[in-house]
Amino acid sequence: MDPCLVGICERFGEVSDFLEHRSQDKEAIVIQLFSDFVECFSSVGAEKLDYPKEFQKDVKYYMQGEPVMMEQFEDIEFRYLMLSDFYDFCRLTKRYINKKE
């Protein structure tokens, strides 16, 4: 797994309780983490083909400025849910193992 994606998963732990304990600090982390994720994911080359098509398409259309995707991802909860889905996928497929657990 690309180091930048590992870093995304590691940092996601800081906000994994975002929906239950929302704060301005956690919102800022989610916003930055989402931005880092789309930049990283779009730059990993062939590795992104190992991930579900939903991640590939959403990131591609977001990076292209597709109006529907841009509007959808204006919602911080939607950004969080995509990060959560990515984190869960990586853990379930054992691409990422949380060293703290």
Protein backbone atom coordinates (compact mmCIF):
# COMPACT_ATOMS: atom_id res chain seq x y z
CA MET A 1 0.00 0.00 0.00
CA ASP A 2 1.36 3.40 -0.98
CA PRO A 3 2.82 5.28 2.03
CA CYS A 4 0.51 8.26 1.53
CA LEU A 5 -2.52 5.95 1.74
CA VAL A 6 -1.09 4.35 4.88
CA GLY A 7 -0.77 7.85 6.32
CA ILE A 8 -4.43 8.56 5.48
CA CYS A 9 -5.48 5.43 7.37
CA GLU A 10 -3.28 6.28 10.33
CA ARG A 11 -4.63 9.83 10.58
CA PHE A 12 -8.22 8.67 10.13
CA GLY A 13 -8.01 7.25 13.65
CA GLU A 14 -8.00 10.84 14.94
CA VAL A 15 -11.54 11.36 13.66
CA SER A 16 -13.05 7.88 13.63
CA ASP A 17 -15.66 9.09 16.14
CA PHE A 18 -16.50 12.20 14.11
CA LEU A 19 -20.21 11.50 13.71
CA GLU A 20 -20.66 10.92 17.45
CA HIS A 21 -18.36 13.66 18.76
CA ARG A 22 -18.27 16.33 16.10
CA SER A 23 -16.12 19.41 16.72
CA GLN A 24 -14.54 22.19 14.68
CA ASP A 25 -11.13 20.59 15.17
CA LYS A 26 -12.37 17.27 13.82
CA GLU A 27 -14.12 19.00 10.92
CA ALA A 28 -10.82 20.63 9.98
CA ILE A 29 -9.08 17.25 10.12
CA VAL A 30 -11.76 15.62 7.92
CA ILE A 31 -11.53 18.44 5.38
CA GLN A 32 -7.73 18.17 5.20
CA LEU A 33 -7.76 14.38 5.23
CA PHE A 34 -10.25 14.24 2.36
CA SER A 35 -8.16 16.67 0.33
CA ASP A 36 -5.04 14.61 1.03
CA PHE A 37 -6.89 11.41 0.13
CA VAL A 38 -8.09 12.55 -3.31
CA GLU A 39 -4.65 13.94 -4.13
CA CYS A 40 -2.89 10.79 -2.96
CA PHE A 41 -5.34 8.32 -4.47
CA SER A 42 -5.24 10.03 -7.85
CA SER A 43 -1.43 9.87 -7.86
CA VAL A 44 -0.84 6.21 -6.94
CA GLY A 45 -0.92 5.02 -10.54
CA ALA A 46 -1.80 1.39 -11.19
CA GLU A 47 -2.29 0.67 -7.48
CA LYS A 48 -5.66 2.43 -7.55
CA LEU A 49 -6.92 -0.35 -9.83
CA ASP A 50 -6.69 -2.67 -6.80
CA TYR A 51 -9.45 -0.69 -5.07
CA PRO A 52 -13.21 -0.79 -5.73
CA LYS A 53 -14.44 1.10 -8.78
CA GLU A 54 -16.48 3.42 -6.54
CA PHE A 55 -13.31 4.96 -5.09
CA GLN A 56 -11.74 5.21 -8.53
CA LYS A 57 -14.75 6.89 -10.11
CA ASP A 58 -15.54 9.24 -7.25
CA VAL A 59 -11.96 10.49 -7.01
CA LYS A 60 -11.62 10.81 -10.78
CA TYR A 61 -14.83 12.82 -11.15
CA TYR A 62 -14.05 14.95 -8.10
CA MET A 63 -10.59 15.78 -9.46
CA GLN A 64 -12.14 16.65 -12.83
CA GLY A 65 -14.49 19.07 -11.07
CA GLU A 66 -17.62 17.15 -12.05
CA PRO A 67 -20.48 19.33 -10.69
CA VAL A 68 -22.43 16.44 -9.13
CA MET A 69 -19.35 15.16 -7.30
CA MET A 70 -18.31 18.63 -6.20
CA GLU A 71 -21.77 19.28 -4.77
CA GLN A 72 -21.93 15.88 -3.10
CA PHE A 73 -18.54 16.30 -1.41
CA GLU A 74 -19.36 19.77 -0.12
CA ASP A 75 -21.09 17.86 2.67
CA ILE A 76 -18.45 17.14 5.30
CA GLU A 77 -20.33 14.06 6.48
CA PHE A 78 -20.15 12.64 2.97
CA ARG A 79 -16.38 13.27 2.96
CA TYR A 80 -16.11 11.50 6.29
CA LEU A 81 -18.14 8.53 5.05
CA MET A 82 -15.91 8.08 2.01
CA LEU A 83 -12.82 8.16 4.23
CA SER A 84 -14.48 5.69 6.58
CA ASP A 85 -15.34 3.36 3.70
CA PHE A 86 -11.76 3.51 2.44
CA TYR A 87 -10.37 2.85 5.93
CA ASP A 88 -12.73 -0.08 6.47
CA PHE A 89 -11.91 -1.56 3.06
CA CYS A 90 -8.18 -1.37 3.75
CA ARG A 91 -8.58 -3.02 7.13
CA LEU A 92 -10.91 -5.76 5.89
CA THR A 93 -8.56 -6.64 3.05
CA LYS A 94 -5.57 -6.42 5.41
CA ARG A 95 -3.91 -3.74 3.29
CA TYR A 96 -3.74 -1.67 6.47
CA ILE A 97 -3.27 -2.97 9.99
CA ASN A 98 -3.73 -0.51 12.81
CA LYS A 99 -0.62 -0.88 14.96
CA LYS A 100 -2.42 0.61 17.98
CA GLU A 101 -4.95 -2.23 18.18
